[in-house]
PDB file of N, CA and C in Angstrom:
ATOM      1  N   UNK A   1      37.091  -7.733  15.423  1.00  0.00           N
ATOM      2  CA  UNK A   1      36.181  -6.957  16.251  1.00  0.00           C
ATOM      3  C   UNK A   1      35.576  -5.827  15.410  1.00  0.00           C
ATOM      4  N   UNK A   2      34.277  -5.635  15.570  1.00  0.00           N
ATOM      5  CA  UNK A   2      33.566  -4.592  14.850  1.00  0.00           C
ATOM      6  C   UNK A   2      32.822  -3.732  15.857  1.00  0.00           C
ATOM      7  N   UNK A   3      32.935  -2.440  15.731  1.00  0.00           N
ATOM      8  CA  UNK A   3      32.153  -1.523  16.559  1.00  0.00           C
ATOM      9  C   UNK A   3      31.152  -0.802  15.673  1.00  0.00           C
ATOM     10  N   UNK A   4      29.929  -0.679  16.169  1.00  0.00           N
ATOM     11  CA  UNK A   4      28.844  -0.126  15.385  1.00  0.00           C
ATOM     12  C   UNK A   4      28.229   1.066  16.105  1.00  0.00           C
ATOM     13  N   UNK A   5      27.974   2.139  15.378  1.00  0.00           N
ATOM     14  CA  UNK A   5      27.377   3.341  15.959  1.00  0.00           C
ATOM     15  C   UNK A   5      26.214   3.778  15.068  1.00  0.00           C
ATOM     16  N   UNK A   6      25.008   3.750  15.641  1.00  0.00           N
ATOM     17  CA  UNK A   6      23.818   4.161  14.905  1.00  0.00           C
ATOM     18  C   UNK A   6      23.560   5.651  15.067  1.00  0.00           C
ATOM     19  N   UNK A   7      22.873   6.217  14.107  1.00  0.00           N
ATOM     20  CA  UNK A   7      22.421   7.602  14.187  1.00  0.00           C
ATOM     21  C   UNK A   7      21.202   7.760  13.296  1.00  0.00           C
ATOM     22  N   UNK A   8      20.504   8.877  13.480  1.00  0.00           N
ATOM     23  CA  UNK A   8      19.385   9.194  12.595  1.00  0.00           C
ATOM     24  C   UNK A   8      18.006   8.985  13.178  1.00  0.00           C
ATOM     25  N   UNK A   9      17.925   8.472  14.391  1.00  0.00           N
ATOM     26  CA  UNK A   9      16.622   8.298  14.994  1.00  0.00           C
ATOM     27  C   UNK A   9      16.003   9.636  15.383  1.00  0.00           C
ATOM     28  N   UNK A  10      14.740   9.585  15.803  1.00  0.00           N
ATOM     29  CA  UNK A  10      14.075  10.805  16.214  1.00  0.00           C
ATOM     30  C   UNK A  10      12.575  10.637  16.266  1.00  0.00           C
ATOM     31  N   UNK A  11      11.901  11.767  16.341  1.00  0.00           N
ATOM     32  CA  UNK A  11      10.437  11.814  16.402  1.00  0.00           C
ATOM     33  C   UNK A  11       9.901  12.242  15.047  1.00  0.00           C
ATOM     34  N   UNK A  12       8.922  11.491  14.546  1.00  0.00           N
ATOM     35  CA  UNK A  12       8.340  11.799  13.249  1.00  0.00           C
ATOM     36  C   UNK A  12       6.855  11.481  13.289  1.00  0.00           C
ATOM     37  N   UNK A  13       6.079  12.204  12.507  1.00  0.00           N
ATOM     38  CA  UNK A  13       4.656  11.934  12.434  1.00  0.00           C
ATOM     39  C   UNK A  13       4.389  10.714  11.552  1.00  0.00           C
ATOM     40  N   UNK A  14       3.291  10.062  11.809  1.00  0.00           N
ATOM     41  CA  UNK A  14       2.895   8.927  10.975  1.00  0.00           C
ATOM     42  C   UNK A  14       2.821   9.365   9.516  1.00  0.00           C
ATOM     43  N   UNK A  15       3.342   8.504   8.640  1.00  0.00           N
ATOM     44  CA  UNK A  15       3.412   8.830   7.221  1.00  0.00           C
ATOM     45  C   UNK A  15       4.722   9.460   6.807  1.00  0.00           C
ATOM     46  N   UNK A  16       5.513   9.865   7.783  1.00  0.00           N
ATOM     47  CA  UNK A  16       6.783  10.514   7.498  1.00  0.00           C
ATOM     48  C   UNK A  16       7.909   9.532   7.239  1.00  0.00           C
ATOM     49  N   UNK A  17       9.121  10.081   7.117  1.00  0.00           N
ATOM     50  CA  UNK A  17      10.296   9.271   6.785  1.00  0.00           C
ATOM     51  C   UNK A  17      11.462   9.593   7.706  1.00  0.00           C
ATOM     52  N   UNK A  18      12.314   8.608   7.873  1.00  0.00           N
ATOM     53  CA  UNK A  18      13.589   8.771   8.577  1.00  0.00           C
ATOM     54  C   UNK A  18      14.611   7.881   7.885  1.00  0.00           C
ATOM     55  N   UNK A  19      15.874   8.273   7.972  1.00  0.00           N
ATOM     56  CA  UNK A  19      16.941   7.422   7.489  1.00  0.00           C
ATOM     57  C   UNK A  19      17.922   7.166   8.630  1.00  0.00           C
ATOM     58  N   UNK A  20      18.080   5.919   8.970  1.00  0.00           N
ATOM     59  CA  UNK A  20      19.049   5.516   9.985  1.00  0.00           C
ATOM     60  C   UNK A  20      20.369   5.173   9.314  1.00  0.00           C
ATOM     61  N   UNK A  21      21.434   5.499  10.006  1.00  0.00           N
ATOM     62  CA  UNK A  21      22.771   5.145   9.540  1.00  0.00           C
ATOM     63  C   UNK A  21      23.479   4.342  10.614  1.00  0.00           C
ATOM     64  N   UNK A  22      24.368   3.481  10.182  1.00  0.00           N
ATOM     65  CA  UNK A  22      25.174   2.684  11.108  1.00  0.00           C
ATOM     66  C   UNK A  22      26.600   2.667  10.575  1.00  0.00           C
ATOM     67  N   UNK A  23      27.478   3.329  11.302  1.00  0.00           N
ATOM     68  CA  UNK A  23      28.882   3.390  10.914  1.00  0.00           C
ATOM     69  C   UNK A  23      29.653   2.285  11.625  1.00  0.00           C
ATOM     70  N   UNK A  24      30.423   1.536  10.863  1.00  0.00           N
ATOM     71  CA  UNK A  24      31.173   0.405  11.409  1.00  0.00           C
ATOM     72  C   UNK A  24      32.668   0.676  11.381  1.00  0.00           C
ATOM     73  N   UNK A  25      33.336   0.218  12.416  1.00  0.00           N
ATOM     74  CA  UNK A  25      34.795   0.306  12.439  1.00  0.00           C
ATOM     75  C   UNK A  25      35.382  -0.921  11.757  1.00  0.00           C
ATOM     76  N   UNK A  26      36.667  -0.895  11.523  1.00  0.00           N
ATOM     77  CA  UNK A  26      37.301  -2.075  10.950  1.00  0.00           C
ATOM     78  C   UNK A  26      37.499  -1.972   9.458  1.00  0.00           C
ATOM     79  N   UNK A  27      38.425  -2.779   8.955  1.00  0.00           N
ATOM     80  CA  UNK A  27      38.774  -2.713   7.541  1.00  0.00           C
ATOM     81  C   UNK A  27      38.124  -3.793   6.718  1.00  0.00           C
ATOM     82  N   UNK A  28      37.349  -4.685   7.350  1.00  0.00           N
ATOM     83  CA  UNK A  28      36.758  -5.800   6.619  1.00  0.00           C
ATOM     84  C   UNK A  28      35.245  -5.718   6.593  1.00  0.00           C
ATOM     85  N   UNK A  29      34.720  -4.496   6.605  1.00  0.00           N
ATOM     86  CA  UNK A  29      33.266  -4.292   6.621  1.00  0.00           C
ATOM     87  C   UNK A  29      32.601  -5.049   5.485  1.00  0.00           C
ATOM     88  N   UNK A  30      33.221  -5.091   4.329  1.00  0.00           N
ATOM     89  CA  UNK A  30      32.599  -5.718   3.160  1.00  0.00           C
ATOM     90  C   UNK A  30      32.425  -7.224   3.329  1.00  0.00           C
ATOM     91  N   UNK A  31      33.096  -7.819   4.318  1.00  0.00           N
ATOM     92  CA  UNK A  31      32.972  -9.258   4.553  1.00  0.00           C
ATOM     93  C   UNK A  31      31.831  -9.620   5.494  1.00  0.00           C
ATOM     94  N   UNK A  32      31.149  -8.604   6.016  1.00  0.00           N
ATOM     95  CA  UNK A  32      30.122  -8.834   7.029  1.00  0.00           C
ATOM     96  C   UNK A  32      28.716  -8.708   6.457  1.00  0.00           C
ATOM     97  N   UNK A  33      27.831  -9.578   6.950  1.00  0.00           N
ATOM     98  CA  UNK A  33      26.408  -9.368   6.763  1.00  0.00           C
ATOM     99  C   UNK A  33      25.960  -8.317   7.776  1.00  0.00           C
ATOM    100  N   UNK A  34      25.077  -7.442   7.359  1.00  0.00           N
ATOM    101  CA  UNK A  34      24.595  -6.380   8.250  1.00  0.00           C
ATOM    102  C   UNK A  34      23.080  -6.477   8.401  1.00  0.00           C
ATOM    103  N   UNK A  35      22.602  -6.138   9.594  1.00  0.00           N
ATOM    104  CA  UNK A  35      21.176  -6.208   9.835  1.00  0.00           C
ATOM    105  C   UNK A  35      20.686  -5.066  10.700  1.00  0.00           C
ATOM    106  N   UNK A  36      19.413  -4.794  10.576  1.00  0.00           N
ATOM    107  CA  UNK A  36      18.717  -3.864  11.472  1.00  0.00           C
ATOM    108  C   UNK A  36      17.666  -4.658  12.239  1.00  0.00           C
ATOM    109  N   UNK A  37      17.627  -4.427  13.531  1.00  0.00           N
ATOM    110  CA  UNK A  37      16.653  -5.029  14.420  1.00  0.00           C
ATOM    111  C   UNK A  37      15.966  -3.916  15.183  1.00  0.00           C
ATOM    112  N   UNK A  38      14.844  -4.230  15.818  1.00  0.00           N
ATOM    113  CA  UNK A  38      14.174  -3.242  16.646  1.00  0.00           C
ATOM    114  C   UNK A  38      13.523  -3.922  17.844  1.00  0.00           C
ATOM    115  N   UNK A  39      13.359  -3.116  18.889  1.00  0.00           N
ATOM    116  CA  UNK A  39      12.697  -3.607  20.091  1.00  0.00           C
ATOM    117  C   UNK A  39      11.761  -2.540  20.603  1.00  0.00           C
ATOM    118  N   UNK A  40      10.485  -2.862  20.625  1.00  0.00           N
ATOM    119  CA  UNK A  40       9.462  -1.967  21.152  1.00  0.00           C
ATOM    120  C   UNK A  40       9.263  -2.265  22.645  1.00  0.00           C
ATOM    121  N   UNK A  41       8.738  -1.311  23.397  1.00  0.00           N
ATOM    122  CA  UNK A  41       8.520  -1.529  24.830  1.00  0.00           C
ATOM    123  C   UNK A  41       7.657  -2.764  25.083  1.00  0.00           C
ATOM    124  N   UNK A  42       8.139  -3.624  25.964  1.00  0.00           N
ATOM    125  CA  UNK A  42       7.387  -4.819  26.327  1.00  0.00           C
ATOM    126  C   UNK A  42       7.420  -5.933  25.304  1.00  0.00           C
ATOM    127  N   UNK A  43       8.202  -5.754  24.248  1.00  0.00           N
ATOM    128  CA  UNK A  43       8.268  -6.767  23.209  1.00  0.00           C
ATOM    129  C   UNK A  43       9.702  -7.258  23.036  1.00  0.00           C
ATOM    130  N   UNK A  44       9.832  -8.409  22.401  1.00  0.00           N
ATOM    131  CA  UNK A  44      11.156  -8.950  22.131  1.00  0.00           C
ATOM    132  C   UNK A  44      11.769  -8.237  20.923  1.00  0.00           C
ATOM    133  N   UNK A  45      13.091  -8.291  20.868  1.00  0.00           N
ATOM    134  CA  UNK A  45      13.775  -7.720  19.724  1.00  0.00           C
ATOM    135  C   UNK A  45      13.451  -8.539  18.483  1.00  0.00           C
ATOM    136  N   UNK A  46      13.234  -7.851  17.363  1.00  0.00           N
ATOM    137  CA  UNK A  46      12.857  -8.532  16.135  1.00  0.00           C
ATOM    138  C   UNK A  46      13.692  -8.049  14.954  1.00  0.00           C
ATOM    139  N   UNK A  47      13.869  -8.942  14.007  1.00  0.00           N
ATOM    140  CA  UNK A  47      14.589  -8.625  12.779  1.00  0.00           C
ATOM    141  C   UNK A  47      13.736  -7.680  11.928  1.00  0.00           C
ATOM    142  N   UNK A  48      14.396  -6.668  11.343  1.00  0.00           N
ATOM    143  CA  UNK A  48      13.698  -5.730  10.463  1.00  0.00           C
ATOM    144  C   UNK A  48      14.152  -5.903   9.018  1.00  0.00           C
ATOM    145  N   UNK A  49      15.473  -5.849   8.814  1.00  0.00           N
ATOM    146  CA  UNK A  49      16.009  -5.928   7.450  1.00  0.00           C
ATOM    147  C   UNK A  49      17.471  -6.347   7.503  1.00  0.00           C
ATOM    148  N   UNK A  50      17.927  -6.979   6.424  1.00  0.00           N
ATOM    149  CA  UNK A  50      19.320  -7.400   6.368  1.00  0.00           C
ATOM    150  C   UNK A  50      19.886  -7.288   4.966  1.00  0.00           C
ATOM    151  N   UNK A  51      21.196  -7.100   4.902  1.00  0.00           N
ATOM    152  CA  UNK A  51      21.909  -7.103   3.627  1.00  0.00           C
ATOM    153  C   UNK A  51      23.179  -7.914   3.836  1.00  0.00           C
ATOM    154  N   UNK A  52      23.354  -8.935   3.013  1.00  0.00           N
ATOM    155  CA  UNK A  52      24.527  -9.794   3.175  1.00  0.00           C
ATOM    156  C   UNK A  52      25.758  -9.150   2.553  1.00  0.00           C
ATOM    157  N   UNK A  53      26.908  -9.807   2.774  1.00  0.00           N
ATOM    158  CA  UNK A  53      28.146  -9.295   2.185  1.00  0.00           C
ATOM    159  C   UNK A  53      28.032  -9.267   0.666  1.00  0.00           C
ATOM    160  N   UNK A  54      27.185 -10.170   0.106  1.00  0.00           N
ATOM    161  CA  UNK A  54      26.999 -10.233  -1.339  1.00  0.00           C
ATOM    162  C   UNK A  54      25.794  -9.416  -1.802  1.00  0.00           C
ATOM    163  N   UNK A  55      25.288  -8.574  -0.914  1.00  0.00           N
ATOM    164  CA  UNK A  55      24.180  -7.636  -1.159  1.00  0.00           C
ATOM    165  C   UNK A  55      22.827  -8.290  -1.376  1.00  0.00           C
ATOM    166  N   UNK A  56      22.667  -9.497  -0.877  1.00  0.00           N
ATOM    167  CA  UNK A  56      21.330 -10.093  -0.864  1.00  0.00           C
ATOM    168  C   UNK A  56      20.514  -9.415   0.226  1.00  0.00           C
ATOM    169  N   UNK A  57      19.281  -9.027  -0.108  1.00  0.00           N
ATOM    170  CA  UNK A  57      18.438  -8.272   0.809  1.00  0.00           C
ATOM    171  C   UNK A  57      17.335  -9.161   1.408  1.00  0.00           C
ATOM    172  N   UNK A  58      16.931  -8.821   2.628  1.00  0.00           N
ATOM    173  CA  UNK A  58      15.804  -9.500   3.251  1.00  0.00           C
ATOM    174  C   UNK A  58      15.086  -8.515   4.158  1.00  0.00           C
ATOM    175  N   UNK A  59      13.764  -8.711   4.315  1.00  0.00           N
ATOM    176  CA  UNK A  59      12.936  -7.803   5.100  1.00  0.00           C
ATOM    177  C   UNK A  59      11.898  -8.575   5.891  1.00  0.00           C
ATOM    178  N   UNK A  60      11.559  -8.009   7.029  1.00  0.00           N
ATOM    179  CA  UNK A  60      10.377  -8.481   7.751  1.00  0.00           C
ATOM    180  C   UNK A  60       9.155  -8.100   6.920  1.00  0.00           C
ATOM    181  N   UNK A  61       8.149  -8.956   6.927  1.00  0.00           N
ATOM    182  CA  UNK A  61       6.973  -8.724   6.076  1.00  0.00           C
ATOM    183  C   UNK A  61       6.321  -7.370   6.341  1.00  0.00           C
ATOM    184  N   UNK A  62       6.294  -6.948   7.603  1.00  0.00           N
ATOM    185  CA  UNK A  62       5.555  -5.728   7.943  1.00  0.00           C
ATOM    186  C   UNK A  62       6.211  -4.458   7.413  1.00  0.00           C
ATOM    187  N   UNK A  63       7.467  -4.551   6.981  1.00  0.00           N
ATOM    188  CA  UNK A  63       8.148  -3.347   6.488  1.00  0.00           C
ATOM    189  C   UNK A  63       8.426  -3.403   4.986  1.00  0.00           C
ATOM    190  N   UNK A  64       8.113  -4.513   4.356  1.00  0.00           N
ATOM    191  CA  UNK A  64       8.344  -4.630   2.904  1.00  0.00           C
ATOM    192  C   UNK A  64       7.569  -3.535   2.161  1.00  0.00           C
ATOM    193  N   UNK A  65       8.273  -2.900   1.224  1.00  0.00           N
ATOM    194  CA  UNK A  65       7.653  -1.828   0.465  1.00  0.00           C
ATOM    195  C   UNK A  65       7.732  -0.472   1.136  1.00  0.00           C
ATOM    196  N   UNK A  66       8.117  -0.443   2.407  1.00  0.00           N
ATOM    197  CA  UNK A  66       8.223   0.833   3.125  1.00  0.00           C
ATOM    198  C   UNK A  66       9.667   1.127   3.548  1.00  0.00           C
ATOM    199  N   UNK A  67      10.410   0.095   3.909  1.00  0.00           N
ATOM    200  CA  UNK A  67      11.799   0.266   4.363  1.00  0.00           C
ATOM    201  C   UNK A  67      12.748  -0.247   3.297  1.00  0.00           C
ATOM    202  N   UNK A  68      13.910   0.389   3.206  1.00  0.00           N
ATOM    203  CA  UNK A  68      14.944  -0.042   2.268  1.00  0.00           C
ATOM    204  C   UNK A  68      16.292  -0.061   2.985  1.00  0.00           C
ATOM    205  N   UNK A  69      16.943  -1.206   2.959  1.00  0.00           N
ATOM    206  CA  UNK A  69      18.284  -1.315   3.540  1.00  0.00           C
ATOM    207  C   UNK A  69      19.300  -1.232   2.413  1.00  0.00           C
ATOM    208  N   UNK A  70      20.424  -0.572   2.706  1.00  0.00           N
ATOM    209  CA  UNK A  70      21.490  -0.472   1.723  1.00  0.00           C
ATOM    210  C   UNK A  70      22.819  -0.358   2.466  1.00  0.00           C
ATOM    211  N   UNK A  71      23.897  -0.597   1.733  1.00  0.00           N
ATOM    212  CA  UNK A  71      25.218  -0.486   2.348  1.00  0.00           C
ATOM    213  C   UNK A  71      26.162   0.222   1.396  1.00  0.00           C
ATOM    214  N   UNK A  72      27.118   0.924   1.988  1.00  0.00           N
ATOM    215  CA  UNK A  72      28.169   1.596   1.230  1.00  0.00           C
ATOM    216  C   UNK A  72      29.483   1.115   1.813  1.00  0.00           C
ATOM    217  N   UNK A  73      30.097   0.164   1.151  1.00  0.00           N
ATOM    218  CA  UNK A  73      31.323  -0.423   1.693  1.00  0.00           C
ATOM    219  C   UNK A  73      32.475   0.570   1.730  1.00  0.00           C
ATOM    220  N   UNK A  74      32.471   1.541   0.845  1.00  0.00           N
ATOM    221  CA  UNK A  74      33.531   2.547   0.846  1.00  0.00           C
ATOM    222  C   UNK A  74      33.466   3.426   2.093  1.00  0.00           C
ATOM    223  N   UNK A  75      32.262   3.557   2.648  1.00  0.00           N
ATOM    224  CA  UNK A  75      32.075   4.381   3.845  1.00  0.00           C
ATOM    225  C   UNK A  75      31.874   3.542   5.099  1.00  0.00           C
ATOM    226  N   UNK A  76      31.964   2.221   4.978  1.00  0.00           N
ATOM    227  CA  UNK A  76      31.732   1.338   6.128  1.00  0.00           C
ATOM    228  C   UNK A  76      30.405   1.651   6.820  1.00  0.00           C
ATOM    229  N   UNK A  77      29.379   1.849   6.025  1.00  0.00           N
ATOM    230  CA  UNK A  77      28.105   2.298   6.568  1.00  0.00           C
ATOM    231  C   UNK A  77      26.951   1.507   5.963  1.00  0.00           C
ATOM    232  N   UNK A  78      25.981   1.217   6.808  1.00  0.00           N
ATOM    233  CA  UNK A  78      24.734   0.607   6.345  1.00  0.00           C
ATOM    234  C   UNK A  78      23.600   1.554   6.711  1.00  0.00           C
ATOM    235  N   UNK A  79      22.599   1.616   5.846  1.00  0.00           N
ATOM    236  CA  UNK A  79      21.495   2.553   6.020  1.00  0.00           C
ATOM    237  C   UNK A  79      20.167   1.805   6.093  1.00  0.00           C
ATOM    238  N   UNK A  80      19.214   2.454   6.725  1.00  0.00           N
ATOM    239  CA  UNK A  80      17.840   1.965   6.692  1.00  0.00           C
ATOM    240  C   UNK A  80      16.950   3.164   6.394  1.00  0.00           C
ATOM    241  N   UNK A  81      16.457   3.222   5.166  1.00  0.00           N
ATOM    242  CA  UNK A  81      15.506   4.263   4.783  1.00  0.00           C
ATOM    243  C   UNK A  81      14.113   3.793   5.146  1.00  0.00           C
ATOM    244  N   UNK A  82      13.444   4.577   5.976  1.00  0.00           N
ATOM    245  CA  UNK A  82      12.123   4.200   6.462  1.00  0.00           C
ATOM    246  C   UNK A  82      11.101   5.215   5.979  1.00  0.00           C
ATOM    247  N   UNK A  83      10.195   4.783   5.140  1.00  0.00           N
ATOM    248  CA  UNK A  83       9.140   5.637   4.598  1.00  0.00           C
ATOM    249  C   UNK A  83       7.774   5.155   5.071  1.00  0.00           C
ATOM    250  N   UNK A  84       6.787   6.012   4.929  1.00  0.00           N
ATOM    251  CA  UNK A  84       5.414   5.668   5.327  1.00  0.00           C
ATOM    252  C   UNK A  84       5.389   5.079   6.728  1.00  0.00           C
ATOM    253  N   UNK A  85       6.054   5.745   7.640  1.00  0.00           N
ATOM    254  CA  UNK A  85       6.168   5.226   9.002  1.00  0.00           C
ATOM    255  C   UNK A  85       4.818   5.155   9.690  1.00  0.00           C
ATOM    256  N   UNK A  86       4.680   4.131  10.517  1.00  0.00           N
ATOM    257  CA  UNK A  86       3.450   3.890  11.260  1.00  0.00           C
ATOM    258  C   UNK A  86       3.757   3.947  12.758  1.00  0.00           C
ATOM    259  N   UNK A  87       2.710   4.168  13.539  1.00  0.00           N
ATOM    260  CA  UNK A  87       2.877   4.234  14.985  1.00  0.00           C
ATOM    261  C   UNK A  87       3.565   2.969  15.508  1.00  0.00           C
ATOM    262  N   UNK A  88       3.205   1.837  14.921  1.00  0.00           N
ATOM    263  CA  UNK A  88       3.744   0.561  15.390  1.00  0.00           C
ATOM    264  C   UNK A  88       5.212   0.343  15.012  1.00  0.00           C
ATOM    265  N   UNK A  89       5.798   1.265  14.263  1.00  0.00           N
ATOM    266  CA  UNK A  89       7.235   1.203  13.977  1.00  0.00           C
ATOM    267  C   UNK A  89       8.055   1.799  15.122  1.00  0.00           C
ATOM    268  N   UNK A  90       7.373   2.386  16.091  1.00  0.00           N
ATOM    269  CA  UNK A  90       8.069   2.983  17.238  1.00  0.00           C
ATOM    270  C   UNK A  90       8.855   1.914  17.986  1.00  0.00           C
ATOM    271  N   UNK A  91      10.156   2.142  18.169  1.00  0.00           N
ATOM    272  CA  UNK A  91      11.020   1.169  18.826  1.00  0.00           C
ATOM    273  C   UNK A  91      12.433   1.732  18.911  1.00  0.00           C
ATOM    274  N   UNK A  92      13.265   1.018  19.636  1.00  0.00           N
ATOM    275  CA  UNK A  92      14.701   1.270  19.555  1.00  0.00           C
ATOM    276  C   UNK A  92      15.231   0.397  18.416  1.00  0.00           C
ATOM    277  N   UNK A  93      15.966   1.022  17.519  1.00  0.00           N
ATOM    278  CA  UNK A  93      16.502   0.313  16.363  1.00  0.00           C
ATOM    279  C   UNK A  93      17.985   0.055  16.571  1.00  0.00           C
ATOM    280  N   UNK A  94      18.375  -1.195  16.331  1.00  0.00           N
ATOM    281  CA  UNK A  94      19.761  -1.618  16.533  1.00  0.00           C
ATOM    282  C   UNK A  94      20.369  -2.082  15.216  1.00  0.00           C
ATOM    283  N   UNK A  95      21.593  -1.721  15.023  1.00  0.00           N
ATOM    284  CA  UNK A  95      22.389  -2.226  13.917  1.00  0.00           C
ATOM    285  C   UNK A  95      23.190  -3.426  14.419  1.00  0.00           C
ATOM    286  N   UNK A  96      23.358  -4.431  13.569  1.00  0.00           N
ATOM    287  CA  UNK A  96      24.092  -5.623  13.960  1.00  0.00           C
ATOM    288  C   UNK A  96      24.934  -6.135  12.795  1.00  0.00           C
ATOM    289  N   UNK A  97      25.992  -6.879  13.134  1.00  0.00           N
ATOM    290  CA  UNK A  97      26.886  -7.422  12.124  1.00  0.00           C
ATOM    291  C   UNK A  97      27.249  -8.857  12.456  1.00  0.00           C
ATOM    292  N   UNK A  98      27.476  -9.633  11.432  1.00  0.00           N
ATOM    293  CA  UNK A  98      27.962 -10.999  11.602  1.00  0.00           C
ATOM    294  C   UNK A  98      28.921 -11.304  10.448  1.00  0.00           C
ATOM    295  N   UNK A  99      29.822 -12.178  10.687  1.00  0.00           N
ATOM    296  CA  UNK A  99      30.719 -12.612   9.626  1.00  0.00           C
ATOM    297  C   UNK A  99      29.881 -13.236   8.505  1.00  0.00           C
ATOM    298  N   UNK A 100      30.208 -12.908   7.284  1.00  0.00           N
ATOM    299  CA  UNK A 100      29.430 -13.377   6.152  1.00  0.00           C
ATOM    300  C   UNK A 100      29.187 -14.877   6.161  1.00  0.00           C
ATOM    301  N   UNK A 101      27.922 -15.275   6.041  1.00  0.00           N
ATOM    302  CA  UNK A 101      27.564 -16.678   5.999  1.00  0.00           C
ATOM    303  C   UNK A 101      27.283 -17.305   7.353  1.00  0.00           C
ATOM    304  N   UNK A 102      27.622 -16.629   8.425  1.00  0.00           N
ATOM    305  CA  UNK A 102      27.323 -17.154   9.751  1.00  0.00           C
ATOM    306  C   UNK A 102      25.846 -16.911  10.084  1.00  0.00           C
ATOM    307  N   UNK A 103      25.377 -17.546  11.164  1.00  0.00           N
ATOM    308  CA  UNK A 103      23.973 -17.420  11.545  1.00  0.00           C
ATOM    309  C   UNK A 103      23.763 -16.316  12.578  1.00  0.00           C
ATOM    310  N   UNK A 104      24.637 -16.285  13.553  1.00  0.00           N
ATOM    311  CA  UNK A 104      24.428 -15.389  14.678  1.00  0.00           C
ATOM    312  C   UNK A 104      25.078 -14.032  14.437  1.00  0.00           C
ATOM    313  N   UNK A 105      24.326 -12.994  14.808  1.00  0.00           N
ATOM    314  CA  UNK A 105      24.887 -11.650  14.796  1.00  0.00           C
ATOM    315  C   UNK A 105      25.658 -11.455  16.103  1.00  0.00           C
ATOM    316  N   UNK A 106      26.947 -11.191  15.978  1.00  0.00           N
ATOM    317  CA  UNK A 106      27.804 -11.096  17.153  1.00  0.00           C
ATOM    318  C   UNK A 106      28.099  -9.679  17.590  1.00  0.00           C
ATOM    319  N   UNK A 107      27.864  -8.722  16.732  1.00  0.00           N
ATOM    320  CA  UNK A 107      28.218  -7.345  17.043  1.00  0.00           C
ATOM    321  C   UNK A 107      26.970  -6.470  16.957  1.00  0.00           C
ATOM    322  N   UNK A 108      26.830  -5.607  17.979  1.00  0.00           N
ATOM    323  CA  UNK A 108      25.627  -4.788  18.087  1.00  0.00           C
ATOM    324  C   UNK A 108      25.980  -3.345  18.407  1.00  0.00           C
ATOM    325  N   UNK A 109      25.169  -2.433  17.863  1.00  0.00           N
ATOM    326  CA  UNK A 109      25.296  -1.045  18.242  1.00  0.00           C
ATOM    327  C   UNK A 109      24.512  -0.758  19.503  1.00  0.00           C
ATOM    328  N   UNK A 110      24.541   0.505  19.931  1.00  0.00           N
ATOM    329  CA  UNK A 110      23.895   0.886  21.178  1.00  0.00           C
ATOM    330  C   UNK A 110      22.408   1.177  20.992  1.00  0.00           C
ATOM    331  N   UNK A 111      21.975   1.326  19.751  1.00  0.00           N
ATOM    332  CA  UNK A 111      20.570   1.571  19.472  1.00  0.00           C
ATOM    333  C   UNK A 111      20.251   3.047  19.295  1.00  0.00           C
ATOM    334  N   UNK A 112      19.218   3.302  18.513  1.00  0.00           N
ATOM    335  CA  UNK A 112      18.720   4.664  18.326  1.00  0.00           C
ATOM    336  C   UNK A 112      17.198   4.628  18.366  1.00  0.00           C
ATOM    337  N   UNK A 113      16.631   5.596  19.078  1.00  0.00           N
ATOM    338  CA  UNK A 113      15.186   5.608  19.297  1.00  0.00           C
ATOM    339  C   UNK A 113      14.461   6.194  18.088  1.00  0.00           C
ATOM    340  N   UNK A 114      13.435   5.499  17.644  1.00  0.00           N
ATOM    341  CA  UNK A 114      12.531   6.004  16.616  1.00  0.00           C
ATOM    342  C   UNK A 114      11.136   6.060  17.222  1.00  0.00           C
ATOM    343  N   UNK A 115      10.552   7.235  17.210  1.00  0.00           N
ATOM    344  CA  UNK A 115       9.216   7.424  17.755  1.00  0.00           C
ATOM    345  C   UNK A 115       8.319   8.000  16.668  1.00  0.00           C
ATOM    346  N   UNK A 116       7.221   7.299  16.404  1.00  0.00           N
ATOM    347  CA  UNK A 116       6.274   7.732  15.389  1.00  0.00           C
ATOM    348  C   UNK A 116       4.987   8.156  16.097  1.00  0.00           C
ATOM    349  N   UNK A 117       4.605   9.388  15.931  1.00  0.00           N
ATOM    350  CA  UNK A 117       3.396   9.890  16.565  1.00  0.00           C
ATOM    351  C   UNK A 117       2.210   9.676  15.626  1.00  0.00           C
ATOM    352  N   UNK A 118       1.113   9.282  16.234  1.00  0.00           N
ATOM    353  CA  UNK A 118      -0.087   8.976  15.431  1.00  0.00           C
ATOM    354  C   UNK A 118      -0.938  10.217  15.236  1.00  0.00           C
TER     355      UNK A 118
END
C-alpha cells in the first residue's frame, strides 16, 4: 500500500513557475513508477509526466520543454517543476504510483490545485 500527498499548488501568473511535490509512504518507493496527471474543469484526467523506477522519463507533448519530473528515492518524493506556465495548464494535479512495469496506476493522491492567471 502506498499513500501519496501532494503539495506546492497555488496561483501564479502566466509565464511563472511552480514546483509540485508528492511525498509517498512506504519503504519500497524506489520500486514504483511515478506519474503526474491533471484534470481541468469539464475535461478528462490526462497524463502529464512520468518517471519509472529505472528513471526513464516521459511527458505529454504540450508540456515538453516546460515541465520537468524528477524523483528523490531517499526522500520518497517525486517532483514536478513547471516553468513557463500557461493559462491552459490550470487544473487539479494528481500524483500517482504503480508497481514498476505495470500498466495501471493504482495509487493516487488527493490532488493540488494549480491556477494560472492570464
